[in-house]
Amino acid sequence: MGGRPPPAGPRRNPKRGVARGAAQIRQRISTEAARIMAEEGVQNFHAAKRKAAGRLGLPETKHLPSNQEIEQALSEHLRLFHAQDLPATLRALRDLALEAMRFFEVFDPRLVGPVLSGNVTPYTEIQLHVTADNPEDIGFLLQEHRIPYDEADRRLRFGGDRHATLPAYRFLADTTPVELTVFSREAVRELPLSPVDGRPMRRASRKELEGIITVQAVVP
């Protein structure tokens, strides 16, 4: 007599396995990219993720993590390996940013980027948005105080997938790079999108930064 065939085992979903493998690759690249940014001073997300993929022997154009995934991995790396140094590093960078904002106060400076968010390394640069009718006025002020600087361009993304290239100035405050992106009075009203999460950038005025520093000083 023929018996019933044994019950079939659970079916495996090949797509699920592929997705899991891709997620693991993204995690490996994120972790290595975060280490590269924290320990080697690479600031650009795209450069860090391609360098990480290359070191891991993985394709540099496939399964690359998002900037937000790398930012999260960087936060975790700093928490695990730089917990003792991070508060002092952050305070030093914010103090320098405040000093720079006072120096450029006539240009209504706003702090953006990692020094504001708090996800910093010893290599992090200070990023300020300033407003000027004539961008050359920034250069004139730096020249007047004999501060060496470089001129550059900063490409920013705005809502509706629009891009704009704005003038920028770079100089050193002690040994820390400072970048000033110059907006017109009209353009400064619209927030550019963050390269991390694609949302409108958070900006902080000098008074807001002073409040953040005060809170940081009292929080254990």
N, C-alpha and C. Protein backbone atom coordinates (compact mmCIF):
# COMPACT_ATOMS: atom_id res chain seq x y z
N MET A 1 0.84 -1.19 0.00
CA MET A 1 0.00 0.00 0.00
C MET A 1 0.88 1.25 0.00
N GLY A 2 0.54 2.16 -0.83
CA GLY A 2 1.33 3.38 -0.87
C GLY A 2 0.89 4.35 0.20
N GLY A 3 1.80 4.79 1.06
CA GLY A 3 1.46 5.77 2.09
C GLY A 3 1.46 7.19 1.53
N ARG A 4 1.02 8.07 2.34
CA ARG A 4 1.02 9.47 1.94
C ARG A 4 2.46 10.00 1.87
N PRO A 5 2.73 10.88 0.93
CA PRO A 5 4.09 11.43 0.87
C PRO A 5 4.38 12.27 2.10
N PRO A 6 5.61 12.28 2.55
CA PRO A 6 5.94 13.07 3.74
C PRO A 6 5.64 14.54 3.51
N PRO A 7 5.23 15.24 4.58
CA PRO A 7 4.91 16.67 4.42
C PRO A 7 6.12 17.45 3.93
N ALA A 8 5.82 18.33 3.05
CA ALA A 8 6.91 19.16 2.51
C ALA A 8 7.45 20.10 3.57
N GLY A 9 8.75 20.30 3.56
CA GLY A 9 9.36 21.24 4.50
C GLY A 9 9.05 22.68 4.11
N PRO A 10 9.37 23.60 4.98
CA PRO A 10 9.10 25.01 4.69
C PRO A 10 9.84 25.46 3.43
N ARG A 11 9.11 26.16 2.60
CA ARG A 11 9.73 26.66 1.38
C ARG A 11 10.64 27.84 1.66
N ARG A 12 11.74 27.83 1.02
CA ARG A 12 12.66 28.95 1.16
C ARG A 12 12.38 29.99 0.10
N ASN A 13 12.39 31.21 0.53
CA ASN A 13 12.16 32.32 -0.40
C ASN A 13 13.51 32.86 -0.85
N PRO A 14 13.90 32.57 -2.09
CA PRO A 14 15.24 33.01 -2.54
C PRO A 14 15.39 34.53 -2.51
N LYS A 15 14.29 35.25 -2.75
CA LYS A 15 14.37 36.71 -2.73
C LYS A 15 14.69 37.21 -1.33
N ARG A 16 14.11 36.52 -0.33
CA ARG A 16 14.38 36.93 1.05
C ARG A 16 15.85 36.73 1.39
N GLY A 17 16.43 35.63 0.90
CA GLY A 17 17.84 35.38 1.15
C GLY A 17 18.73 36.42 0.49
N VAL A 18 18.37 36.81 -0.73
CA VAL A 18 19.14 37.84 -1.43
C VAL A 18 19.06 39.17 -0.69
N ALA A 19 17.84 39.52 -0.22
CA ALA A 19 17.66 40.78 0.51
C ALA A 19 18.48 40.78 1.80
N ARG A 20 18.48 39.60 2.49
CA ARG A 20 19.24 39.52 3.75
C ARG A 20 20.73 39.68 3.47
N GLY A 21 21.20 39.05 2.38
CA GLY A 21 22.61 39.18 2.04
C GLY A 21 22.99 40.61 1.69
N ALA A 22 22.11 41.30 0.96
CA ALA A 22 22.38 42.69 0.61
C ALA A 22 22.43 43.56 1.84
N ALA A 23 21.51 43.30 2.80
CA ALA A 23 21.49 44.08 4.03
C ALA A 23 22.77 43.88 4.84
N GLN A 24 23.28 42.65 4.85
CA GLN A 24 24.52 42.36 5.56
C GLN A 24 25.70 43.09 4.91
N ILE A 25 25.71 43.12 3.59
CA ILE A 25 26.78 43.83 2.88
C ILE A 25 26.72 45.32 3.20
N ARG A 26 25.51 45.88 3.18
CA ARG A 26 25.35 47.30 3.50
C ARG A 26 25.84 47.60 4.91
N GLN A 27 25.56 46.68 5.84
CA GLN A 27 25.99 46.87 7.22
C GLN A 27 27.51 46.82 7.32
N ARG A 28 28.13 45.89 6.62
CA ARG A 28 29.60 45.79 6.65
C ARG A 28 30.23 47.05 6.09
N ILE A 29 29.69 47.55 4.98
CA ILE A 29 30.24 48.77 4.38
C ILE A 29 30.02 49.96 5.30
N SER A 30 28.84 50.04 5.90
CA SER A 30 28.54 51.15 6.82
C SER A 30 29.51 51.18 7.99
N THR A 31 29.76 50.01 8.57
CA THR A 31 30.66 49.93 9.72
C THR A 31 32.07 50.35 9.35
N GLU A 32 32.56 49.87 8.20
CA GLU A 32 33.92 50.21 7.79
C GLU A 32 34.00 51.68 7.37
N ALA A 33 32.97 52.18 6.69
CA ALA A 33 32.97 53.60 6.30
C ALA A 33 32.97 54.50 7.53
N ALA A 34 32.22 54.12 8.55
CA ALA A 34 32.20 54.91 9.79
C ALA A 34 33.59 54.92 10.44
N ARG A 35 34.25 53.76 10.43
CA ARG A 35 35.60 53.70 11.00
C ARG A 35 36.56 54.59 10.22
N ILE A 36 36.45 54.57 8.90
CA ILE A 36 37.31 55.41 8.05
C ILE A 36 37.09 56.89 8.35
N MET A 37 35.83 57.28 8.51
CA MET A 37 35.53 58.68 8.79
C MET A 37 36.05 59.10 10.16
N ALA A 38 35.90 58.21 11.14
CA ALA A 38 36.30 58.53 12.51
C ALA A 38 37.81 58.50 12.71
N GLU A 39 38.49 57.55 12.07
CA GLU A 39 39.90 57.33 12.35
C GLU A 39 40.84 57.91 11.30
N GLU A 40 40.34 58.12 10.07
CA GLU A 40 41.21 58.57 9.00
C GLU A 40 40.87 59.96 8.46
N GLY A 41 39.80 60.53 8.97
CA GLY A 41 39.49 61.92 8.62
C GLY A 41 38.78 62.12 7.31
N VAL A 42 38.28 61.05 6.68
CA VAL A 42 37.49 61.22 5.46
C VAL A 42 36.16 61.85 5.84
N GLN A 43 35.80 62.95 5.18
CA GLN A 43 34.58 63.68 5.54
C GLN A 43 33.42 63.41 4.58
N ASN A 44 33.72 63.04 3.37
CA ASN A 44 32.71 62.85 2.35
C ASN A 44 32.09 61.45 2.45
N PHE A 45 30.78 61.37 2.56
CA PHE A 45 30.11 60.09 2.71
C PHE A 45 30.39 59.17 1.51
N HIS A 46 30.26 59.72 0.33
CA HIS A 46 30.43 58.89 -0.87
C HIS A 46 31.85 58.33 -0.94
N ALA A 47 32.84 59.18 -0.65
CA ALA A 47 34.22 58.71 -0.68
C ALA A 47 34.46 57.64 0.38
N ALA A 48 33.86 57.82 1.56
CA ALA A 48 34.06 56.85 2.65
C ALA A 48 33.44 55.50 2.30
N LYS A 49 32.24 55.50 1.71
CA LYS A 49 31.60 54.22 1.41
C LYS A 49 32.31 53.49 0.26
N ARG A 50 32.81 54.23 -0.72
CA ARG A 50 33.55 53.58 -1.81
C ARG A 50 34.89 53.03 -1.29
N LYS A 51 35.53 53.77 -0.43
CA LYS A 51 36.80 53.30 0.14
C LYS A 51 36.57 52.06 1.00
N ALA A 52 35.47 52.08 1.75
CA ALA A 52 35.14 50.93 2.59
C ALA A 52 34.86 49.70 1.74
N ALA A 53 34.09 49.86 0.68
CA ALA A 53 33.78 48.73 -0.19
C ALA A 53 35.04 48.15 -0.81
N GLY A 54 35.94 49.03 -1.24
CA GLY A 54 37.19 48.57 -1.82
C GLY A 54 38.02 47.77 -0.84
N ARG A 55 38.09 48.23 0.39
CA ARG A 55 38.88 47.51 1.40
C ARG A 55 38.28 46.16 1.74
N LEU A 56 36.97 46.07 1.64
CA LEU A 56 36.30 44.81 1.96
C LEU A 56 36.23 43.88 0.75
N GLY A 57 36.77 44.34 -0.38
CA GLY A 57 36.74 43.52 -1.58
C GLY A 57 35.36 43.40 -2.17
N LEU A 58 34.54 44.43 -1.99
CA LEU A 58 33.17 44.42 -2.48
C LEU A 58 33.01 45.43 -3.61
N PRO A 59 32.02 45.24 -4.47
CA PRO A 59 31.81 46.21 -5.55
C PRO A 59 31.55 47.61 -5.00
N GLU A 60 32.12 48.61 -5.66
CA GLU A 60 31.97 49.98 -5.19
C GLU A 60 30.69 50.64 -5.69
N THR A 61 29.89 49.90 -6.45
CA THR A 61 28.67 50.48 -7.01
C THR A 61 27.42 49.65 -6.68
N LYS A 62 27.56 48.62 -5.86
CA LYS A 62 26.43 47.74 -5.57
C LYS A 62 26.26 47.59 -4.07
N HIS A 63 25.01 47.66 -3.62
CA HIS A 63 24.66 47.49 -2.21
C HIS A 63 25.32 48.55 -1.31
N LEU A 64 25.56 49.73 -1.86
CA LEU A 64 26.15 50.77 -1.03
C LEU A 64 25.09 51.32 -0.06
N PRO A 65 25.47 51.54 1.19
CA PRO A 65 24.51 52.06 2.17
C PRO A 65 24.20 53.53 1.91
N SER A 66 23.12 53.99 2.47
CA SER A 66 22.77 55.40 2.38
C SER A 66 23.65 56.22 3.31
N ASN A 67 23.68 57.52 3.10
CA ASN A 67 24.43 58.39 4.00
C ASN A 67 23.88 58.30 5.42
N GLN A 68 22.58 58.15 5.55
CA GLN A 68 21.99 58.06 6.87
C GLN A 68 22.44 56.79 7.59
N GLU A 69 22.57 55.69 6.86
CA GLU A 69 23.07 54.45 7.47
C GLU A 69 24.50 54.64 7.97
N ILE A 70 25.32 55.34 7.19
CA ILE A 70 26.69 55.57 7.61
C ILE A 70 26.72 56.51 8.82
N GLU A 71 25.87 57.52 8.82
CA GLU A 71 25.81 58.43 9.96
C GLU A 71 25.45 57.68 11.23
N GLN A 72 24.51 56.76 11.14
CA GLN A 72 24.13 55.95 12.31
C GLN A 72 25.28 55.06 12.76
N ALA A 73 25.99 54.48 11.80
CA ALA A 73 27.14 53.65 12.14
C ALA A 73 28.26 54.48 12.75
N LEU A 74 28.44 55.70 12.26
CA LEU A 74 29.45 56.59 12.83
C LEU A 74 29.10 56.95 14.26
N SER A 75 27.84 57.24 14.53
CA SER A 75 27.41 57.54 15.89
C SER A 75 27.70 56.38 16.82
N GLU A 76 27.43 55.16 16.35
CA GLU A 76 27.69 53.97 17.17
C GLU A 76 29.19 53.77 17.37
N HIS A 77 29.98 53.99 16.34
CA HIS A 77 31.44 53.86 16.46
C HIS A 77 31.98 54.85 17.49
N LEU A 78 31.53 56.08 17.42
CA LEU A 78 32.00 57.09 18.37
C LEU A 78 31.58 56.75 19.79
N ARG A 79 30.37 56.21 19.94
CA ARG A 79 29.89 55.84 21.28
C ARG A 79 30.72 54.71 21.86
N LEU A 80 31.13 53.77 21.00
CA LEU A 80 31.87 52.60 21.48
C LEU A 80 33.34 52.89 21.73
N PHE A 81 33.95 53.68 20.85
CA PHE A 81 35.41 53.82 20.88
C PHE A 81 35.91 55.21 21.29
N HIS A 82 35.02 56.20 21.35
CA HIS A 82 35.47 57.55 21.67
C HIS A 82 34.58 58.22 22.71
N ALA A 83 33.94 57.41 23.53
CA ALA A 83 32.99 57.95 24.51
C ALA A 83 33.66 58.94 25.47
N GLN A 84 34.91 58.67 25.85
CA GLN A 84 35.59 59.55 26.80
C GLN A 84 36.05 60.85 26.14
N ASP A 85 36.42 60.79 24.86
CA ASP A 85 36.96 61.96 24.18
C ASP A 85 35.90 62.83 23.54
N LEU A 86 34.76 62.24 23.19
CA LEU A 86 33.76 62.94 22.39
C LEU A 86 33.27 64.25 23.02
N PRO A 87 32.92 64.27 24.31
CA PRO A 87 32.42 65.53 24.88
C PRO A 87 33.42 66.67 24.77
N ALA A 88 34.70 66.40 25.03
CA ALA A 88 35.72 67.46 24.96
C ALA A 88 35.93 67.90 23.51
N THR A 89 35.92 66.94 22.58
CA THR A 89 36.07 67.27 21.16
C THR A 89 34.92 68.15 20.69
N LEU A 90 33.71 67.76 21.06
CA LEU A 90 32.54 68.51 20.66
C LEU A 90 32.54 69.91 21.26
N ARG A 91 32.91 70.02 22.53
CA ARG A 91 32.93 71.33 23.17
C ARG A 91 33.96 72.24 22.52
N ALA A 92 35.13 71.69 22.21
CA ALA A 92 36.18 72.50 21.58
C ALA A 92 35.73 73.00 20.20
N LEU A 93 35.09 72.13 19.44
CA LEU A 93 34.63 72.54 18.11
C LEU A 93 33.52 73.58 18.21
N ARG A 94 32.62 73.41 19.15
CA ARG A 94 31.53 74.38 19.31
C ARG A 94 32.05 75.72 19.82
N ASP A 95 33.05 75.70 20.68
CA ASP A 95 33.66 76.95 21.14
C ASP A 95 34.31 77.70 19.96
N LEU A 96 35.01 76.95 19.11
CA LEU A 96 35.62 77.58 17.94
C LEU A 96 34.55 78.11 16.98
N ALA A 97 33.48 77.34 16.82
CA ALA A 97 32.38 77.79 15.96
C ALA A 97 31.77 79.08 16.49
N LEU A 98 31.60 79.16 17.80
CA LEU A 98 31.03 80.36 18.40
C LEU A 98 31.95 81.56 18.19
N GLU A 99 33.24 81.33 18.33
CA GLU A 99 34.21 82.41 18.09
C GLU A 99 34.14 82.89 16.64
N ALA A 100 34.03 81.94 15.71
CA ALA A 100 33.93 82.31 14.30
C ALA A 100 32.64 83.06 14.02
N MET A 101 31.55 82.66 14.66
CA MET A 101 30.27 83.31 14.44
C MET A 101 30.29 84.75 14.97
N ARG A 102 30.97 84.96 16.06
CA ARG A 102 31.11 86.32 16.57
C ARG A 102 31.94 87.17 15.62
N PHE A 103 32.97 86.57 15.05
CA PHE A 103 33.84 87.30 14.12
C PHE A 103 33.06 87.72 12.86
N PHE A 104 32.19 86.83 12.39
CA PHE A 104 31.43 87.10 11.16
C PHE A 104 30.00 87.56 11.46
N GLU A 105 29.79 88.13 12.61
CA GLU A 105 28.42 88.44 13.04
C GLU A 105 27.68 89.35 12.06
N VAL A 106 28.40 90.25 11.41
CA VAL A 106 27.76 91.16 10.47
C VAL A 106 27.14 90.41 9.29
N PHE A 107 27.57 89.18 9.07
CA PHE A 107 27.05 88.37 7.96
C PHE A 107 26.00 87.35 8.43
N ASP A 108 25.46 87.55 9.62
CA ASP A 108 24.37 86.73 10.15
C ASP A 108 24.67 85.23 10.03
N PRO A 109 25.74 84.76 10.65
CA PRO A 109 26.15 83.35 10.48
C PRO A 109 25.19 82.37 11.13
N ARG A 110 25.11 81.20 10.55
CA ARG A 110 24.32 80.09 11.09
C ARG A 110 25.18 78.84 11.05
N LEU A 111 25.20 78.12 12.16
CA LEU A 111 25.97 76.87 12.24
C LEU A 111 25.13 75.73 11.67
N VAL A 112 25.76 74.88 10.85
CA VAL A 112 25.11 73.69 10.29
C VAL A 112 26.07 72.51 10.41
N GLY A 113 25.58 71.33 10.09
CA GLY A 113 26.46 70.18 9.97
C GLY A 113 26.78 69.45 11.27
N PRO A 114 27.84 68.65 11.26
CA PRO A 114 28.16 67.78 12.40
C PRO A 114 28.41 68.51 13.71
N VAL A 115 29.01 69.70 13.67
CA VAL A 115 29.28 70.41 14.92
C VAL A 115 27.97 70.79 15.60
N LEU A 116 26.93 71.00 14.84
CA LEU A 116 25.62 71.27 15.41
C LEU A 116 24.95 69.98 15.86
N SER A 117 25.00 68.94 15.04
CA SER A 117 24.33 67.67 15.38
C SER A 117 25.03 66.95 16.51
N GLY A 118 26.36 67.14 16.63
CA GLY A 118 27.11 66.49 17.71
C GLY A 118 27.84 65.24 17.30
N ASN A 119 27.71 64.81 16.05
CA ASN A 119 28.38 63.59 15.58
C ASN A 119 29.74 63.97 15.00
N VAL A 120 30.70 64.25 15.87
CA VAL A 120 31.97 64.82 15.43
C VAL A 120 33.14 63.89 15.70
N THR A 121 34.20 64.11 14.93
CA THR A 121 35.49 63.45 15.14
C THR A 121 36.54 64.57 15.25
N PRO A 122 37.77 64.24 15.61
CA PRO A 122 38.81 65.28 15.64
C PRO A 122 39.07 65.91 14.27
N TYR A 123 38.58 65.29 13.20
CA TYR A 123 38.81 65.81 11.85
C TYR A 123 37.64 66.65 11.34
N THR A 124 36.58 66.76 12.09
CA THR A 124 35.38 67.44 11.63
C THR A 124 35.65 68.92 11.39
N GLU A 125 35.11 69.45 10.29
CA GLU A 125 35.24 70.87 10.01
C GLU A 125 33.99 71.61 10.49
N ILE A 126 34.17 72.89 10.74
CA ILE A 126 33.06 73.76 11.14
C ILE A 126 32.42 74.32 9.87
N GLN A 127 31.12 74.19 9.77
CA GLN A 127 30.40 74.65 8.59
C GLN A 127 29.42 75.77 8.99
N LEU A 128 29.58 76.92 8.35
CA LEU A 128 28.72 78.06 8.62
C LEU A 128 28.05 78.52 7.33
N HIS A 129 26.80 78.90 7.44
CA HIS A 129 26.11 79.61 6.36
C HIS A 129 26.10 81.09 6.71
N VAL A 130 26.55 81.92 5.78
CA VAL A 130 26.57 83.36 6.01
C VAL A 130 25.80 84.06 4.88
N THR A 131 25.39 85.29 5.15
CA THR A 131 24.61 86.05 4.18
C THR A 131 25.37 87.32 3.81
N ALA A 132 25.50 87.57 2.51
CA ALA A 132 26.22 88.76 2.04
C ALA A 132 25.67 89.19 0.70
N ASP A 133 25.46 90.50 0.53
CA ASP A 133 25.06 91.03 -0.77
C ASP A 133 26.16 90.82 -1.79
N ASN A 134 27.40 90.95 -1.33
CA ASN A 134 28.57 90.76 -2.19
C ASN A 134 29.47 89.71 -1.54
N PRO A 135 29.55 88.50 -2.11
CA PRO A 135 30.39 87.46 -1.50
C PRO A 135 31.83 87.89 -1.27
N GLU A 136 32.33 88.80 -2.09
CA GLU A 136 33.72 89.24 -1.92
C GLU A 136 33.94 89.96 -0.59
N ASP A 137 32.88 90.44 0.05
CA ASP A 137 33.04 91.09 1.34
C ASP A 137 33.62 90.14 2.39
N ILE A 138 33.31 88.85 2.24
CA ILE A 138 33.89 87.85 3.16
C ILE A 138 35.40 87.81 2.98
N GLY A 139 35.83 87.78 1.73
CA GLY A 139 37.27 87.76 1.46
C GLY A 139 37.96 89.03 1.94
N PHE A 140 37.30 90.17 1.78
CA PHE A 140 37.89 91.43 2.24
C PHE A 140 38.11 91.41 3.75
N LEU A 141 37.14 90.87 4.49
CA LEU A 141 37.28 90.80 5.95
C LEU A 141 38.43 89.88 6.35
N LEU A 142 38.55 88.75 5.67
CA LEU A 142 39.65 87.84 5.98
C LEU A 142 40.99 88.47 5.64
N GLN A 143 41.05 89.16 4.53
CA GLN A 143 42.29 89.84 4.15
C GLN A 143 42.65 90.93 5.16
N GLU A 144 41.65 91.66 5.60
CA GLU A 144 41.89 92.75 6.56
C GLU A 144 42.54 92.22 7.83
N HIS A 145 42.16 91.02 8.23
CA HIS A 145 42.72 90.43 9.45
C HIS A 145 43.85 89.45 9.16
N ARG A 146 44.33 89.48 7.91
CA ARG A 146 45.46 88.66 7.49
C ARG A 146 45.26 87.18 7.79
N ILE A 147 44.08 86.72 7.47
CA ILE A 147 43.74 85.30 7.64
C ILE A 147 43.82 84.63 6.27
N PRO A 148 44.75 83.71 6.08
CA PRO A 148 44.84 83.01 4.79
C PRO A 148 43.56 82.20 4.52
N TYR A 149 43.14 82.18 3.27
CA TYR A 149 41.91 81.46 2.95
C TYR A 149 41.98 80.96 1.52
N ASP A 150 41.08 80.03 1.24
CA ASP A 150 40.89 79.52 -0.12
C ASP A 150 39.45 79.76 -0.53
N GLU A 151 39.26 80.05 -1.79
CA GLU A 151 37.91 80.18 -2.32
C GLU A 151 37.50 78.85 -2.96
N ALA A 152 36.22 78.54 -2.83
CA ALA A 152 35.73 77.27 -3.36
C ALA A 152 34.26 77.45 -3.76
N ASP A 153 33.68 76.37 -4.21
CA ASP A 153 32.26 76.34 -4.53
C ASP A 153 31.61 75.23 -3.71
N ARG A 154 30.40 75.47 -3.27
CA ARG A 154 29.66 74.46 -2.53
C ARG A 154 28.35 74.19 -3.28
N ARG A 155 28.20 72.95 -3.71
CA ARG A 155 26.99 72.54 -4.43
C ARG A 155 25.98 72.00 -3.41
N LEU A 156 24.81 72.60 -3.38
CA LEU A 156 23.77 72.22 -2.42
C LEU A 156 22.51 71.80 -3.17
N ARG A 157 21.76 70.93 -2.51
CA ARG A 157 20.50 70.45 -3.09
C ARG A 157 19.34 71.07 -2.34
N PHE A 158 18.32 71.44 -3.08
CA PHE A 158 17.13 72.04 -2.50
C PHE A 158 15.91 71.19 -2.87
N GLY A 159 14.76 71.56 -2.34
CA GLY A 159 13.54 70.83 -2.63
C GLY A 159 13.24 70.82 -4.12
N GLY A 160 12.52 69.78 -4.55
CA GLY A 160 12.22 69.64 -5.97
C GLY A 160 13.40 69.16 -6.78
N ASP A 161 14.39 68.58 -6.07
CA ASP A 161 15.61 68.07 -6.71
C ASP A 161 16.35 69.16 -7.48
N ARG A 162 16.29 70.38 -6.95
CA ARG A 162 17.03 71.48 -7.54
C ARG A 162 18.40 71.57 -6.88
N HIS A 163 19.40 72.00 -7.65
CA HIS A 163 20.75 72.18 -7.15
C HIS A 163 21.22 73.60 -7.42
N ALA A 164 22.07 74.08 -6.55
CA ALA A 164 22.67 75.40 -6.74
C ALA A 164 24.12 75.35 -6.26
N THR A 165 24.98 76.05 -6.97
CA THR A 165 26.38 76.14 -6.59
C THR A 165 26.63 77.54 -6.02
N LEU A 166 27.07 77.58 -4.77
CA LEU A 166 27.26 78.84 -4.06
C LEU A 166 28.74 79.04 -3.76
N PRO A 167 29.17 80.31 -3.68
CA PRO A 167 30.57 80.58 -3.32
C PRO A 167 30.85 80.20 -1.87
N ALA A 168 32.07 79.79 -1.62
CA ALA A 168 32.47 79.40 -0.27
C ALA A 168 33.90 79.84 0.00
N TYR A 169 34.19 80.04 1.27
CA TYR A 169 35.54 80.39 1.73
C TYR A 169 35.96 79.39 2.79
N ARG A 170 37.22 78.98 2.73
CA ARG A 170 37.76 78.03 3.70
C ARG A 170 39.02 78.60 4.33
N PHE A 171 39.13 78.44 5.64
CA PHE A 171 40.33 78.87 6.36
C PHE A 171 40.47 78.02 7.61
N LEU A 172 41.56 78.21 8.33
CA LEU A 172 41.81 77.45 9.55
C LEU A 172 41.60 78.32 10.77
N ALA A 173 40.89 77.79 11.75
CA ALA A 173 40.79 78.39 13.08
C ALA A 173 41.62 77.50 13.99
N ASP A 174 42.78 77.99 14.41
CA ASP A 174 43.80 77.12 15.01
C ASP A 174 44.15 76.07 13.95
N THR A 175 43.82 74.81 14.20
CA THR A 175 44.09 73.78 13.19
C THR A 175 42.80 73.19 12.62
N THR A 176 41.68 73.79 12.95
CA THR A 176 40.38 73.27 12.53
C THR A 176 39.89 73.97 11.27
N PRO A 177 39.55 73.24 10.22
CA PRO A 177 39.02 73.88 9.01
C PRO A 177 37.64 74.49 9.27
N VAL A 178 37.44 75.67 8.72
CA VAL A 178 36.14 76.34 8.77
C VAL A 178 35.73 76.63 7.33
N GLU A 179 34.49 76.29 7.00
CA GLU A 179 33.97 76.58 5.67
C GLU A 179 32.77 77.51 5.79
N LEU A 180 32.80 78.61 5.05
CA LEU A 180 31.70 79.57 4.99
C LEU A 180 31.03 79.44 3.63
N THR A 181 29.78 79.08 3.61
CA THR A 181 29.01 79.07 2.37
C THR A 181 28.19 80.35 2.33
N VAL A 182 28.30 81.10 1.23
CA VAL A 182 27.74 82.45 1.16
C VAL A 182 26.41 82.42 0.40
N PHE A 183 25.36 82.88 1.07
CA PHE A 183 24.03 82.97 0.49
C PHE A 183 23.68 84.44 0.25
N SER A 184 22.88 84.68 -0.76
CA SER A 184 22.29 86.01 -0.93
C SER A 184 21.15 86.16 0.07
N ARG A 185 20.66 87.36 0.24
CA ARG A 185 19.57 87.59 1.20
C ARG A 185 18.29 86.89 0.77
N GLU A 186 18.13 86.69 -0.52
CA GLU A 186 16.96 85.98 -1.01
C GLU A 186 17.13 84.47 -0.85
N ALA A 187 18.31 83.96 -1.22
CA ALA A 187 18.54 82.51 -1.21
C ALA A 187 18.57 81.94 0.21
N VAL A 188 19.00 82.73 1.19
CA VAL A 188 19.16 82.21 2.53
C VAL A 188 17.83 81.85 3.18
N ARG A 189 16.73 82.33 2.62
CA ARG A 189 15.42 82.05 3.19
C ARG A 189 15.00 80.60 3.01
N GLU A 190 15.57 79.94 2.00
CA GLU A 190 15.22 78.54 1.75
C GLU A 190 16.33 77.63 2.28
N LEU A 191 15.95 76.67 3.09
CA LEU A 191 16.92 75.75 3.66
C LEU A 191 17.35 74.71 2.62
N PRO A 192 18.65 74.53 2.43
CA PRO A 192 19.10 73.41 1.59
C PRO A 192 18.82 72.10 2.29
N LEU A 193 18.89 71.01 1.55
CA LEU A 193 18.61 69.69 2.11
C LEU A 193 19.89 69.07 2.67
N SER A 194 19.74 68.38 3.78
CA SER A 194 20.88 67.73 4.42
C SER A 194 21.39 66.58 3.57
N PRO A 195 22.72 66.45 3.42
CA PRO A 195 23.27 65.30 2.70
C PRO A 195 23.10 64.00 3.46
N VAL A 196 22.72 64.07 4.72
CA VAL A 196 22.55 62.86 5.53
C VAL A 196 21.19 62.22 5.30
N ASP A 197 20.12 62.99 5.53
CA ASP A 197 18.78 62.40 5.47
C ASP A 197 17.86 63.03 4.42
N GLY A 198 18.36 64.03 3.68
CA GLY A 198 17.55 64.64 2.65
C GLY A 198 16.50 65.60 3.15
N ARG A 199 16.50 65.88 4.44
CA ARG A 199 15.54 66.82 5.01
C ARG A 199 16.16 68.22 5.06
N PRO A 200 15.32 69.26 5.23
CA PRO A 200 15.89 70.61 5.34
C PRO A 200 16.92 70.68 6.46
N MET A 201 18.06 71.31 6.17
CA MET A 201 19.14 71.41 7.14
C MET A 201 18.69 72.16 8.40
N ARG A 202 19.20 71.71 9.50
CA ARG A 202 19.01 72.45 10.75
C ARG A 202 20.09 73.52 10.81
N ARG A 203 19.68 74.74 11.17
CA ARG A 203 20.62 75.84 11.35
C ARG A 203 20.48 76.39 12.76
N ALA A 204 21.58 76.92 13.30
CA ALA A 204 21.55 77.52 14.63
C ALA A 204 22.23 78.88 14.59
N SER A 205 21.60 79.86 15.19
CA SER A 205 22.19 81.19 15.31
C SER A 205 23.22 81.20 16.42
N ARG A 206 23.92 82.31 16.56
CA ARG A 206 24.92 82.43 17.63
C ARG A 206 24.27 82.24 18.99
N LYS A 207 23.14 82.88 19.23
CA LYS A 207 22.47 82.76 20.53
C LYS A 207 22.02 81.33 20.78
N GLU A 208 21.55 80.67 19.73
CA GLU A 208 21.14 79.27 19.90
C GLU A 208 22.33 78.39 20.23
N LEU A 209 23.47 78.64 19.60
CA LEU A 209 24.66 77.86 19.90
C LEU A 209 25.13 78.13 21.32
N GLU A 210 25.06 79.36 21.77
CA GLU A 210 25.44 79.66 23.15
C GLU A 210 24.57 78.86 24.12
N GLY A 211 23.28 78.75 23.81
CA GLY A 211 22.39 77.96 24.67
C GLY A 211 22.74 76.49 24.65
N ILE A 212 23.09 75.98 23.48
CA ILE A 212 23.47 74.56 23.37
C ILE A 212 24.73 74.29 24.18
N ILE A 213 25.71 75.19 24.11
CA ILE A 213 26.95 75.03 24.86
C ILE A 213 26.68 75.07 26.36
N THR A 214 25.80 75.95 26.78
CA THR A 214 25.46 76.04 28.21
C THR A 214 24.85 74.73 28.69
N VAL A 215 23.93 74.18 27.91
CA VAL A 215 23.31 72.91 28.28
C VAL A 215 24.34 71.79 28.32
N GLN A 216 25.23 71.76 27.32
CA GLN A 216 26.28 70.73 27.29
C GLN A 216 27.17 70.80 28.50
N ALA A 217 27.41 72.01 29.00
CA ALA A 217 28.31 72.18 30.14
C ALA A 217 27.73 71.62 31.44
N VAL A 218 26.41 71.58 31.55
CA VAL A 218 25.78 71.13 32.81
C VAL A 218 25.32 69.68 32.75
N VAL A 219 25.24 69.12 31.53
CA VAL A 219 24.83 67.72 31.40
C VAL A 219 26.03 66.82 31.67
N PRO A 220 25.92 65.87 32.62
CA PRO A 220 27.08 65.01 32.92
C PRO A 220 27.42 64.10 31.76
